[in-house]
Amino acid sequence: MTRHGWIRVRNIVPLAVLFIAAIGWVVMALWNWLVPALFGLHEIGYWQAWGLLILCKILFGGFHGAHDGRWRHRMMERCEHMTPEEREKFRQAFMSRWGHGEPPQPPPNAGDLR
């Protein structure tokens, strides 16, 4: 991984951890704000909110994600409607965005040892 890639990871990881922690807090806050007033149930703690979130994911959402083929299918549909020029422009933008630029080209006289 390039130095630029490590810097990106170093910057994203703390934000991802903070975002994940905030999800539990949001679920807890919404539950404690709405459910006791509406249904007379008890307030819940942070880890109970995470347990509730995971239970809802199991019961209603399943454990599929970006790897279940839907993402790939949508991208293939989008590409089918693009012209070859649009497809190439998209590919180059994607490669430059994610740090996978073209491989370095050897100098013109790299094979010449004179």
PDB file of N, CA and C in Angstrom:
ATOM      1  N   MET A   1       0.855  -1.171   0.000  1.00  0.00           N
ATOM      2  CA  MET A   1       0.000   0.000   0.000  1.00  0.00           C
ATOM      3  C   MET A   1       0.902   1.236   0.000  1.00  0.00           C
ATOM      4  N   THR A   2       0.536   2.201  -0.745  1.00  0.00           N
ATOM      5  CA  THR A   2       1.337   3.405  -0.857  1.00  0.00           C
ATOM      6  C   THR A   2       1.193   4.259   0.405  1.00  0.00           C
ATOM      7  N   ARG A   3       2.079   5.224   0.541  1.00  0.00           N
ATOM      8  CA  ARG A   3       2.032   6.118   1.696  1.00  0.00           C
ATOM      9  C   ARG A   3       0.701   6.874   1.732  1.00  0.00           C
ATOM     10  N   HIS A   4       0.240   7.266   0.550  1.00  0.00           N
ATOM     11  CA  HIS A   4      -1.036   7.980   0.463  1.00  0.00           C
ATOM     12  C   HIS A   4      -2.181   7.090   0.963  1.00  0.00           C
ATOM     13  N   GLY A   5      -2.121   5.800   0.651  1.00  0.00           N
ATOM     14  CA  GLY A   5      -3.158   4.861   1.088  1.00  0.00           C
ATOM     15  C   GLY A   5      -3.179   4.710   2.601  1.00  0.00           C
ATOM     16  N   TRP A   6      -1.994   4.648   3.223  1.00  0.00           N
ATOM     17  CA  TRP A   6      -1.932   4.521   4.684  1.00  0.00           C
ATOM     18  C   TRP A   6      -2.463   5.777   5.364  1.00  0.00           C
ATOM     19  N   ILE A   7      -2.182   6.927   4.787  1.00  0.00           N
ATOM     20  CA  ILE A   7      -2.699   8.169   5.360  1.00  0.00           C
ATOM     21  C   ILE A   7      -4.218   8.179   5.293  1.00  0.00           C
ATOM     22  N   ARG A   8      -4.766   7.706   4.174  1.00  0.00           N
ATOM     23  CA  ARG A   8      -6.224   7.652   4.023  1.00  0.00           C
ATOM     24  C   ARG A   8      -6.834   6.712   5.064  1.00  0.00           C
ATOM     25  N   VAL A   9      -6.212   5.535   5.252  1.00  0.00           N
ATOM     26  CA  VAL A   9      -6.711   4.577   6.237  1.00  0.00           C
ATOM     27  C   VAL A   9      -6.617   5.172   7.637  1.00  0.00           C
ATOM     28  N   ARG A  10      -5.496   5.824   7.941  1.00  0.00           N
ATOM     29  CA  ARG A  10      -5.301   6.421   9.259  1.00  0.00           C
ATOM     30  C   ARG A  10      -6.353   7.493   9.546  1.00  0.00           C
ATOM     31  N   ASN A  11      -6.810   8.177   8.521  1.00  0.00           N
ATOM     32  CA  ASN A  11      -7.824   9.211   8.709  1.00  0.00           C
ATOM     33  C   ASN A  11      -9.234   8.644   8.763  1.00  0.00           C
ATOM     34  N   ILE A  12      -9.491   7.570   8.049  1.00  0.00           N
ATOM     35  CA  ILE A  12     -10.839   7.019   7.966  1.00  0.00           C
ATOM     36  C   ILE A  12     -11.194   6.143   9.157  1.00  0.00           C
ATOM     37  N   VAL A  13     -10.233   5.382   9.679  1.00  0.00           N
ATOM     38  CA  VAL A  13     -10.527   4.437  10.762  1.00  0.00           C
ATOM     39  C   VAL A  13     -11.125   5.128  11.995  1.00  0.00           C
ATOM     40  N   PRO A  14     -10.558   6.217  12.497  1.00  0.00           N
ATOM     41  CA  PRO A  14     -11.195   6.855  13.660  1.00  0.00           C
ATOM     42  C   PRO A  14     -12.610   7.366  13.366  1.00  0.00           C
ATOM     43  N   LEU A  15     -12.814   7.863  12.153  1.00  0.00           N
ATOM     44  CA  LEU A  15     -14.162   8.326  11.792  1.00  0.00           C
ATOM     45  C   LEU A  15     -15.142   7.164  11.726  1.00  0.00           C
ATOM     46  N   ALA A  16     -14.689   6.023  11.221  1.00  0.00           N
ATOM     47  CA  ALA A  16     -15.560   4.845  11.139  1.00  0.00           C
ATOM     48  C   ALA A  16     -15.926   4.353  12.535  1.00  0.00           C
ATOM     49  N   VAL A  17     -14.950   4.309  13.438  1.00  0.00           N
ATOM     50  CA  VAL A  17     -15.215   3.876  14.814  1.00  0.00           C
ATOM     51  C   VAL A  17     -16.193   4.837  15.487  1.00  0.00           C
ATOM     52  N   LEU A  18     -15.984   6.123  15.290  1.00  0.00           N
ATOM     53  CA  LEU A  18     -16.883   7.127  15.868  1.00  0.00           C
ATOM     54  C   LEU A  18     -18.300   6.986  15.300  1.00  0.00           C
ATOM     55  N   PHE A  19     -18.404   6.748  13.997  1.00  0.00           N
ATOM     56  CA  PHE A  19     -19.709   6.579  13.361  1.00  0.00           C
ATOM     57  C   PHE A  19     -20.425   5.348  13.905  1.00  0.00           C
ATOM     58  N   ILE A  20     -19.700   4.244  14.059  1.00  0.00           N
ATOM     59  CA  ILE A  20     -20.307   3.014  14.570  1.00  0.00           C
ATOM     60  C   ILE A  20     -20.769   3.212  16.008  1.00  0.00           C
ATOM     61  N   ALA A  21     -19.952   3.884  16.826  1.00  0.00           N
ATOM     62  CA  ALA A  21     -20.349   4.157  18.206  1.00  0.00           C
ATOM     63  C   ALA A  21     -21.581   5.057  18.251  1.00  0.00           C
ATOM     64  N   ALA A  22     -21.648   6.013  17.332  1.00  0.00           N
ATOM     65  CA  ALA A  22     -22.782   6.932  17.300  1.00  0.00           C
ATOM     66  C   ALA A  22     -24.079   6.210  16.933  1.00  0.00           C
ATOM     67  N   ILE A  23     -24.001   5.174  16.138  1.00  0.00           N
ATOM     68  CA  ILE A  23     -25.208   4.420  15.771  1.00  0.00           C
ATOM     69  C   ILE A  23     -25.881   3.863  17.021  1.00  0.00           C
ATOM     70  N   GLY A  24     -25.093   3.250  17.894  1.00  0.00           N
ATOM     71  CA  GLY A  24     -25.651   2.708  19.138  1.00  0.00           C
ATOM     72  C   GLY A  24     -26.269   3.787  19.995  1.00  0.00           C
ATOM     73  N   TRP A  25     -25.613   4.943  20.062  1.00  0.00           N
ATOM     74  CA  TRP A  25     -26.135   6.041  20.864  1.00  0.00           C
ATOM     75  C   TRP A  25     -27.451   6.568  20.278  1.00  0.00           C
ATOM     76  N   VAL A  26     -27.528   6.670  18.950  1.00  0.00           N
ATOM     77  CA  VAL A  26     -28.752   7.173  18.302  1.00  0.00           C
ATOM     78  C   VAL A  26     -29.918   6.222  18.559  1.00  0.00           C
ATOM     79  N   VAL A  27     -29.675   4.908  18.426  1.00  0.00           N
ATOM     80  CA  VAL A  27     -30.748   3.942  18.683  1.00  0.00           C
ATOM     81  C   VAL A  27     -31.210   4.050  20.132  1.00  0.00           C
ATOM     82  N   MET A  28     -30.246   4.146  21.068  1.00  0.00           N
ATOM     83  CA  MET A  28     -30.591   4.265  22.486  1.00  0.00           C
ATOM     84  C   MET A  28     -31.396   5.541  22.754  1.00  0.00           C
ATOM     85  N   ALA A  29     -30.945   6.661  22.186  1.00  0.00           N
ATOM     86  CA  ALA A  29     -31.625   7.932  22.419  1.00  0.00           C
ATOM     87  C   ALA A  29     -33.038   7.923  21.844  1.00  0.00           C
ATOM     88  N   LEU A  30     -33.195   7.390  20.647  1.00  0.00           N
ATOM     89  CA  LEU A  30     -34.536   7.336  20.045  1.00  0.00           C
ATOM     90  C   LEU A  30     -35.468   6.430  20.834  1.00  0.00           C
ATOM     91  N   TRP A  31     -34.960   5.267  21.254  1.00  0.00           N
ATOM     92  CA  TRP A  31     -35.781   4.359  22.053  1.00  0.00           C
ATOM     93  C   TRP A  31     -36.212   5.041  23.348  1.00  0.00           C
ATOM     94  N   ASN A  32     -35.236   5.614  24.055  1.00  0.00           N
ATOM     95  CA  ASN A  32     -35.535   6.222  25.354  1.00  0.00           C
ATOM     96  C   ASN A  32     -36.413   7.464  25.238  1.00  0.00           C
ATOM     97  N   TRP A  33     -36.451   8.076  24.086  1.00  0.00           N
ATOM     98  CA  TRP A  33     -37.291   9.245  23.871  1.00  0.00           C
ATOM     99  C   TRP A  33     -38.713   8.838  23.497  1.00  0.00           C
ATOM    100  N   LEU A  34     -38.837   7.827  22.627  1.00  0.00           N
ATOM    101  CA  LEU A  34     -40.150   7.485  22.091  1.00  0.00           C
ATOM    102  C   LEU A  34     -40.866   6.350  22.820  1.00  0.00           C
ATOM    103  N   VAL A  35     -40.205   5.246  23.006  1.00  0.00           N
ATOM    104  CA  VAL A  35     -40.895   4.036  23.460  1.00  0.00           C
ATOM    105  C   VAL A  35     -41.469   4.156  24.865  1.00  0.00           C
ATOM    106  N   PRO A  36     -40.748   4.680  25.867  1.00  0.00           N
ATOM    107  CA  PRO A  36     -41.382   4.794  27.191  1.00  0.00           C
ATOM    108  C   PRO A  36     -42.627   5.679  27.181  1.00  0.00           C
ATOM    109  N   ALA A  37     -42.581   6.765  26.412  1.00  0.00           N
ATOM    110  CA  ALA A  37     -43.742   7.665  26.372  1.00  0.00           C
ATOM    111  C   ALA A  37     -44.912   7.058  25.603  1.00  0.00           C
ATOM    112  N   LEU A  38     -44.609   6.336  24.529  1.00  0.00           N
ATOM    113  CA  LEU A  38     -45.678   5.789  23.696  1.00  0.00           C
ATOM    114  C   LEU A  38     -46.249   4.482  24.231  1.00  0.00           C
ATOM    115  N   PHE A  39     -45.372   3.587  24.720  1.00  0.00           N
ATOM    116  CA  PHE A  39     -45.824   2.238  25.082  1.00  0.00           C
ATOM    117  C   PHE A  39     -45.622   1.899  26.549  1.00  0.00           C
ATOM    118  N   GLY A  40     -45.008   2.796  27.313  1.00  0.00           N
ATOM    119  CA  GLY A  40     -44.810   2.555  28.736  1.00  0.00           C
ATOM    120  C   GLY A  40     -43.734   1.525  29.041  1.00  0.00           C
ATOM    121  N   LEU A  41     -42.823   1.270  28.124  1.00  0.00           N
ATOM    122  CA  LEU A  41     -41.741   0.314  28.359  1.00  0.00           C
ATOM    123  C   LEU A  41     -40.562   1.024  29.012  1.00  0.00           C
ATOM    124  N   HIS A  42     -39.611   0.239  29.498  1.00  0.00           N
ATOM    125  CA  HIS A  42     -38.448   0.795  30.197  1.00  0.00           C
ATOM    126  C   HIS A  42     -37.444   1.397  29.218  1.00  0.00           C
ATOM    127  N   GLU A  43     -36.610   2.283  29.760  1.00  0.00           N
ATOM    128  CA  GLU A  43     -35.499   2.810  28.978  1.00  0.00           C
ATOM    129  C   GLU A  43     -34.424   1.733  28.860  1.00  0.00           C
ATOM    130  N   ILE A  44     -33.557   1.871  27.847  1.00  0.00           N
ATOM    131  CA  ILE A  44     -32.507   0.882  27.625  1.00  0.00           C
ATOM    132  C   ILE A  44     -31.150   1.565  27.684  1.00  0.00           C
ATOM    133  N   GLY A  45     -30.109   0.750  27.873  1.00  0.00           N
ATOM    134  CA  GLY A  45     -28.740   1.245  27.898  1.00  0.00           C
ATOM    135  C   GLY A  45     -28.094   1.112  26.521  1.00  0.00           C
ATOM    136  N   TYR A  46     -26.838   1.542  26.459  1.00  0.00           N
ATOM    137  CA  TYR A  46     -26.094   1.545  25.189  1.00  0.00           C
ATOM    138  C   TYR A  46     -25.976   0.145  24.589  1.00  0.00           C
ATOM    139  N   TRP A  47     -25.546  -0.826  25.390  1.00  0.00           N
ATOM    140  CA  TRP A  47     -25.349  -2.178  24.859  1.00  0.00           C
ATOM    141  C   TRP A  47     -26.681  -2.859  24.562  1.00  0.00           C
ATOM    142  N   GLN A  48     -27.711  -2.534  25.299  1.00  0.00           N
ATOM    143  CA  GLN A  48     -29.036  -3.050  24.971  1.00  0.00           C
ATOM    144  C   GLN A  48     -29.506  -2.491  23.629  1.00  0.00           C
ATOM    145  N   ALA A  49     -29.151  -1.246  23.340  1.00  0.00           N
ATOM    146  CA  ALA A  49     -29.491  -0.652  22.041  1.00  0.00           C
ATOM    147  C   ALA A  49     -28.778  -1.404  20.915  1.00  0.00           C
ATOM    148  N   TRP A  50     -27.519  -1.750  21.139  1.00  0.00           N
ATOM    149  CA  TRP A  50     -26.796  -2.526  20.127  1.00  0.00           C
ATOM    150  C   TRP A  50     -27.419  -3.904  19.953  1.00  0.00           C
ATOM    151  N   GLY A  51     -27.817  -4.536  21.058  1.00  0.00           N
ATOM    152  CA  GLY A  51     -28.481  -5.835  20.964  1.00  0.00           C
ATOM    153  C   GLY A  51     -29.782  -5.739  20.185  1.00  0.00           C
ATOM    154  N   LEU A  52     -30.533  -4.689  20.434  1.00  0.00           N
ATOM    155  CA  LEU A  52     -31.780  -4.454  19.701  1.00  0.00           C
ATOM    156  C   LEU A  52     -31.513  -4.237  18.218  1.00  0.00           C
ATOM    157  N   LEU A  53     -30.483  -3.463  17.924  1.00  0.00           N
ATOM    158  CA  LEU A  53     -30.122  -3.201  16.529  1.00  0.00           C
ATOM    159  C   LEU A  53     -29.734  -4.488  15.801  1.00  0.00           C
ATOM    160  N   ILE A  54     -28.946  -5.326  16.460  1.00  0.00           N
ATOM    161  CA  ILE A  54     -28.527  -6.600  15.851  1.00  0.00           C
ATOM    162  C   ILE A  54     -29.725  -7.528  15.696  1.00  0.00           C
ATOM    163  N   LEU A  55     -30.589  -7.583  16.700  1.00  0.00           N
ATOM    164  CA  LEU A  55     -31.787  -8.411  16.604  1.00  0.00           C
ATOM    165  C   LEU A  55     -32.663  -7.975  15.431  1.00  0.00           C
ATOM    166  N   CYS A  56     -32.858  -6.673  15.270  1.00  0.00           N
ATOM    167  CA  CYS A  56     -33.653  -6.174  14.140  1.00  0.00           C
ATOM    168  C   CYS A  56     -32.996  -6.520  12.817  1.00  0.00           C
ATOM    169  N   LYS A  57     -31.677  -6.446  12.763  1.00  0.00           N
ATOM    170  CA  LYS A  57     -30.966  -6.797  11.532  1.00  0.00           C
ATOM    171  C   LYS A  57     -31.187  -8.265  11.191  1.00  0.00           C
ATOM    172  N   ILE A  58     -31.124  -9.131  12.198  1.00  0.00           N
ATOM    173  CA  ILE A  58     -31.346 -10.562  11.968  1.00  0.00           C
ATOM    174  C   ILE A  58     -32.779 -10.821  11.515  1.00  0.00           C
ATOM    175  N   LEU A  59     -33.751 -10.236  12.222  1.00  0.00           N
ATOM    176  CA  LEU A  59     -35.154 -10.522  11.931  1.00  0.00           C
ATOM    177  C   LEU A  59     -35.657  -9.875  10.648  1.00  0.00           C
ATOM    178  N   PHE A  60     -35.223  -8.669  10.363  1.00  0.00           N
ATOM    179  CA  PHE A  60     -35.803  -7.921   9.253  1.00  0.00           C
ATOM    180  C   PHE A  60     -34.866  -7.697   8.070  1.00  0.00           C
ATOM    181  N   GLY A  61     -33.567  -7.712   8.313  1.00  0.00           N
ATOM    182  CA  GLY A  61     -32.651  -7.340   7.237  1.00  0.00           C
ATOM    183  C   GLY A  61     -31.777  -8.450   6.718  1.00  0.00           C
ATOM    184  N   GLY A  62     -31.537  -9.479   7.512  1.00  0.00           N
ATOM    185  CA  GLY A  62     -30.609 -10.507   7.102  1.00  0.00           C
ATOM    186  C   GLY A  62     -29.181 -10.000   7.169  1.00  0.00           C
ATOM    187  N   PHE A  63     -28.248 -10.823   6.708  1.00  0.00           N
ATOM    188  CA  PHE A  63     -26.844 -10.443   6.761  1.00  0.00           C
ATOM    189  C   PHE A  63     -26.233 -10.355   5.381  1.00  0.00           C
ATOM    190  N   HIS A  64     -26.965  -9.842   4.439  1.00  0.00           N
ATOM    191  CA  HIS A  64     -26.399  -9.618   3.119  1.00  0.00           C
ATOM    192  C   HIS A  64     -25.893  -8.192   3.061  1.00  0.00           C
ATOM    193  N   GLY A  65     -24.990  -7.945   2.150  1.00  0.00           N
ATOM    194  CA  GLY A  65     -24.426  -6.604   2.045  1.00  0.00           C
ATOM    195  C   GLY A  65     -24.001  -6.350   0.620  1.00  0.00           C
ATOM    196  N   ALA A  66     -22.893  -5.689   0.466  1.00  0.00           N
ATOM    197  CA  ALA A  66     -22.399  -5.349  -0.864  1.00  0.00           C
ATOM    198  C   ALA A  66     -21.967  -6.594  -1.623  1.00  0.00           C
ATOM    199  N   HIS A  67     -21.757  -7.705  -0.932  1.00  0.00           N
ATOM    200  CA  HIS A  67     -21.258  -8.909  -1.586  1.00  0.00           C
ATOM    201  C   HIS A  67     -22.365  -9.845  -2.060  1.00  0.00           C
ATOM    202  N   ASP A  68     -23.599  -9.429  -1.971  1.00  0.00           N
ATOM    203  CA  ASP A  68     -24.688 -10.321  -2.364  1.00  0.00           C
ATOM    204  C   ASP A  68     -25.022 -10.226  -3.843  1.00  0.00           C
ATOM    205  N   GLY A  69     -24.295  -9.435  -4.604  1.00  0.00           N
ATOM    206  CA  GLY A  69     -24.492  -9.374  -6.042  1.00  0.00           C
ATOM    207  C   GLY A  69     -25.344  -8.215  -6.519  1.00  0.00           C
ATOM    208  N   ARG A  70     -26.120  -7.609  -5.640  1.00  0.00           N
ATOM    209  CA  ARG A  70     -26.973  -6.506  -6.078  1.00  0.00           C
ATOM    210  C   ARG A  70     -26.158  -5.300  -6.527  1.00  0.00           C
ATOM    211  N   TRP A  71     -25.097  -4.994  -5.786  1.00  0.00           N
ATOM    212  CA  TRP A  71     -24.246  -3.860  -6.147  1.00  0.00           C
ATOM    213  C   TRP A  71     -23.636  -4.084  -7.516  1.00  0.00           C
ATOM    214  N   ARG A  72     -23.115  -5.267  -7.733  1.00  0.00           N
ATOM    215  CA  ARG A  72     -22.491  -5.589  -9.019  1.00  0.00           C
ATOM    216  C   ARG A  72     -23.524  -5.531 -10.143  1.00  0.00           C
ATOM    217  N   HIS A  73     -24.719  -6.038  -9.880  1.00  0.00           N
ATOM    218  CA  HIS A  73     -25.774  -6.036 -10.890  1.00  0.00           C
ATOM    219  C   HIS A  73     -26.157  -4.600 -11.268  1.00  0.00           C
ATOM    220  N   ARG A  74     -26.288  -3.719 -10.269  1.00  0.00           N
ATOM    221  CA  ARG A  74     -26.617  -2.320 -10.560  1.00  0.00           C
ATOM    222  C   ARG A  74     -25.526  -1.652 -11.376  1.00  0.00           C
ATOM    223  N   MET A  75     -24.265  -1.922 -11.045  1.00  0.00           N
ATOM    224  CA  MET A  75     -23.160  -1.320 -11.788  1.00  0.00           C
ATOM    225  C   MET A  75     -23.140  -1.829 -13.229  1.00  0.00           C
ATOM    226  N   MET A  76     -23.417  -3.103 -13.421  1.00  0.00           N
ATOM    227  CA  MET A  76     -23.450  -3.654 -14.777  1.00  0.00           C
ATOM    228  C   MET A  76     -24.578  -3.016 -15.587  1.00  0.00           C
ATOM    229  N   GLU A  77     -25.735  -2.794 -14.957  1.00  0.00           N
ATOM    230  CA  GLU A  77     -26.844  -2.141 -15.658  1.00  0.00           C
ATOM    231  C   GLU A  77     -26.474  -0.718 -16.070  1.00  0.00           C
ATOM    232  N   ARG A  78     -25.801   0.000 -15.171  1.00  0.00           N
ATOM    233  CA  ARG A  78     -25.387   1.360 -15.504  1.00  0.00           C
ATOM    234  C   ARG A  78     -24.394   1.362 -16.658  1.00  0.00           C
ATOM    235  N   CYS A  79     -23.473   0.426 -16.642  1.00  0.00           N
ATOM    236  CA  CYS A  79     -22.454   0.375 -17.692  1.00  0.00           C
ATOM    237  C   CYS A  79     -23.060   0.024 -19.053  1.00  0.00           C
ATOM    238  N   GLU A  80     -24.126  -0.766 -19.047  1.00  0.00           N
ATOM    239  CA  GLU A  80     -24.763  -1.143 -20.312  1.00  0.00           C
ATOM    240  C   GLU A  80     -25.328   0.072 -21.044  1.00  0.00           C
ATOM    241  N   HIS A  81     -25.725   1.095 -20.297  1.00  0.00           N
ATOM    242  CA  HIS A  81     -26.327   2.276 -20.900  1.00  0.00           C
ATOM    243  C   HIS A  81     -25.312   3.362 -21.233  1.00  0.00           C
ATOM    244  N   MET A  82     -24.026   3.105 -20.977  1.00  0.00           N
ATOM    245  CA  MET A  82     -22.988   4.091 -21.253  1.00  0.00           C
ATOM    246  C   MET A  82     -22.378   3.856 -22.631  1.00  0.00           C
ATOM    247  N   THR A  83     -21.932   4.925 -23.218  1.00  0.00           N
ATOM    248  CA  THR A  83     -21.161   4.795 -24.455  1.00  0.00           C
ATOM    249  C   THR A  83     -19.756   4.337 -24.081  1.00  0.00           C
ATOM    250  N   PRO A  84     -18.990   3.816 -25.041  1.00  0.00           N
ATOM    251  CA  PRO A  84     -17.612   3.402 -24.723  1.00  0.00           C
ATOM    252  C   PRO A  84     -16.769   4.544 -24.144  1.00  0.00           C
ATOM    253  N   GLU A  85     -16.982   5.762 -24.624  1.00  0.00           N
ATOM    254  CA  GLU A  85     -16.228   6.903 -24.093  1.00  0.00           C
ATOM    255  C   GLU A  85     -16.603   7.182 -22.640  1.00  0.00           C
ATOM    256  N   GLU A  86     -17.916   7.104 -22.329  1.00  0.00           N
ATOM    257  CA  GLU A  86     -18.361   7.322 -20.955  1.00  0.00           C
ATOM    258  C   GLU A  86     -17.824   6.227 -20.034  1.00  0.00           C
ATOM    259  N   ARG A  87     -17.821   4.994 -20.532  1.00  0.00           N
ATOM    260  CA  ARG A  87     -17.319   3.871 -19.750  1.00  0.00           C
ATOM    261  C   ARG A  87     -15.837   4.061 -19.408  1.00  0.00           C
ATOM    262  N   GLU A  88     -15.052   4.486 -20.387  1.00  0.00           N
ATOM    263  CA  GLU A  88     -13.619   4.702 -20.164  1.00  0.00           C
ATOM    264  C   GLU A  88     -13.393   5.865 -19.199  1.00  0.00           C
ATOM    265  N   LYS A  89     -14.161   6.912 -19.343  1.00  0.00           N
ATOM    266  CA  LYS A  89     -14.045   8.062 -18.443  1.00  0.00           C
ATOM    267  C   LYS A  89     -14.394   7.644 -17.009  1.00  0.00           C
ATOM    268  N   PHE A  90     -15.444   6.850 -16.852  1.00  0.00           N
ATOM    269  CA  PHE A  90     -15.835   6.352 -15.538  1.00  0.00           C
ATOM    270  C   PHE A  90     -14.743   5.473 -14.944  1.00  0.00           C
ATOM    271  N   ARG A  91     -14.181   4.587 -15.754  1.00  0.00           N
ATOM    272  CA  ARG A  91     -13.129   3.686 -15.283  1.00  0.00           C
ATOM    273  C   ARG A  91     -11.910   4.474 -14.801  1.00  0.00           C
ATOM    274  N   GLN A  92     -11.511   5.473 -15.573  1.00  0.00           N
ATOM    275  CA  GLN A  92     -10.353   6.273 -15.184  1.00  0.00           C
ATOM    276  C   GLN A  92     -10.630   7.072 -13.909  1.00  0.00           C
ATOM    277  N   ALA A  93     -11.829   7.620 -13.780  1.00  0.00           N
ATOM    278  CA  ALA A  93     -12.175   8.367 -12.566  1.00  0.00           C
ATOM    279  C   ALA A  93     -12.189   7.434 -11.357  1.00  0.00           C
ATOM    280  N   PHE A  94     -12.706   6.231 -11.528  1.00  0.00           N
ATOM    281  CA  PHE A  94     -12.745   5.257 -10.440  1.00  0.00           C
ATOM    282  C   PHE A  94     -11.338   4.864 -10.025  1.00  0.00           C
ATOM    283  N   MET A  95     -10.492   4.596 -11.005  1.00  0.00           N
ATOM    284  CA  MET A  95      -9.126   4.191 -10.704  1.00  0.00           C
ATOM    285  C   MET A  95      -8.346   5.310 -10.016  1.00  0.00           C
ATOM    286  N   SER A  96      -8.521   6.544 -10.458  1.00  0.00           N
ATOM    287  CA  SER A  96      -7.784   7.644  -9.824  1.00  0.00           C
ATOM    288  C   SER A  96      -8.336   7.938  -8.434  1.00  0.00           C
ATOM    289  N   ARG A  97      -9.644   7.766  -8.244  1.00  0.00           N
ATOM    290  CA  ARG A  97     -10.263   8.040  -6.945  1.00  0.00           C
ATOM    291  C   ARG A  97      -9.775   7.082  -5.876  1.00  0.00           C
ATOM    292  N   TRP A  98      -9.620   5.816  -6.230  1.00  0.00           N
ATOM    293  CA  TRP A  98      -9.254   4.803  -5.250  1.00  0.00           C
ATOM    294  C   TRP A  98      -7.765   4.478  -5.270  1.00  0.00           C
ATOM    295  N   GLY A  99      -6.967   5.304  -5.926  1.00  0.00           N
ATOM    296  CA  GLY A  99      -5.523   5.171  -5.841  1.00  0.00           C
ATOM    297  C   GLY A  99      -4.933   4.042  -6.655  1.00  0.00           C
ATOM    298  N   HIS A 100      -5.644   3.572  -7.645  1.00  0.00           N
ATOM    299  CA  HIS A 100      -5.134   2.495  -8.485  1.00  0.00           C
ATOM    300  C   HIS A 100      -4.872   3.034  -9.877  1.00  0.00           C
ATOM    301  N   GLY A 101      -3.991   3.978  -9.967  1.00  0.00           N
ATOM    302  CA  GLY A 101      -3.695   4.576 -11.264  1.00  0.00           C
ATOM    303  C   GLY A 101      -3.005   3.583 -12.184  1.00  0.00           C
ATOM    304  N   GLU A 102      -2.653   4.029 -13.336  1.00  0.00           N
ATOM    305  CA  GLU A 102      -1.961   3.176 -14.292  1.00  0.00           C
ATOM    306  C   GLU A 102      -0.621   2.739 -13.717  1.00  0.00           C
ATOM    307  N   PRO A 103      -0.168   1.511 -14.037  1.00  0.00           N
ATOM    308  CA  PRO A 103       1.134   1.075 -13.544  1.00  0.00           C
ATOM    309  C   PRO A 103       2.230   1.950 -14.135  1.00  0.00           C
ATOM    310  N   PRO A 104       3.312   2.167 -13.387  1.00  0.00           N
ATOM    311  CA  PRO A 104       4.369   3.029 -13.901  1.00  0.00           C
ATOM    312  C   PRO A 104       4.989   2.438 -15.166  1.00  0.00           C
ATOM    313  N   GLN A 105       5.233   3.294 -16.113  1.00  0.00           N
ATOM    314  CA  GLN A 105       5.835   2.876 -17.377  1.00  0.00           C
ATOM    315  C   GLN A 105       7.352   2.978 -17.261  1.00  0.00           C
ATOM    316  N   PRO A 106       8.079   1.990 -17.799  1.00  0.00           N
ATOM    317  CA  PRO A 106       9.533   2.077 -17.753  1.00  0.00           C
ATOM    318  C   PRO A 106      10.010   3.207 -18.657  1.00  0.00           C
ATOM    319  N   PRO A 107      11.178   3.780 -18.353  1.00  0.00           N
ATOM    320  CA  PRO A 107      11.719   4.820 -19.234  1.00  0.00           C
ATOM    321  C   PRO A 107      11.932   4.265 -20.634  1.00  0.00           C
ATOM    322  N   PRO A 108      11.952   5.135 -21.653  1.00  0.00           N
ATOM    323  CA  PRO A 108      12.053   4.658 -23.036  1.00  0.00           C
ATOM    324  C   PRO A 108      13.277   3.800 -23.301  1.00  0.00           C
ATOM    325  N   ASN A 109      14.388   4.046 -22.674  1.00  0.00           N
ATOM    326  CA  ASN A 109      15.616   3.297 -22.927  1.00  0.00           C
ATOM    327  C   ASN A 109      15.975   2.409 -21.743  1.00  0.00           C
ATOM    328  N   ALA A 110      15.015   1.868 -21.048  1.00  0.00           N
ATOM    329  CA  ALA A 110      15.298   1.056 -19.865  1.00  0.00           C
ATOM    330  C   ALA A 110      16.035  -0.228 -20.205  1.00  0.00           C
ATOM    331  N   GLY A 111      15.800  -0.788 -21.368  1.00  0.00           N
ATOM    332  CA  GLY A 111      16.464  -2.040 -21.768  1.00  0.00           C
ATOM    333  C   GLY A 111      17.858  -1.806 -22.292  1.00  0.00           C
ATOM    334  N   ASP A 112      18.201  -0.592 -22.588  1.00  0.00           N
ATOM    335  CA  ASP A 112      19.497  -0.267 -23.157  1.00  0.00           C
ATOM    336  C   ASP A 112      20.481  -0.034 -22.026  1.00  0.00           C
ATOM    337  N   LEU A 113      21.521  -0.904 -21.926  1.00  0.00           N
ATOM    338  CA  LEU A 113      22.470  -0.803 -20.835  1.00  0.00           C
ATOM    339  C   LEU A 113      23.728  -0.009 -21.208  1.00  0.00           C
ATOM    340  N   ARG A 114      23.831   0.559 -22.380  1.00  0.00           N
ATOM    341  CA  ARG A 114      25.020   1.311 -22.790  1.00  0.00           C
ATOM    342  C   ARG A 114      25.153   2.568 -22.094  1.00  0.00           C
TER     343      ARG A 114
END
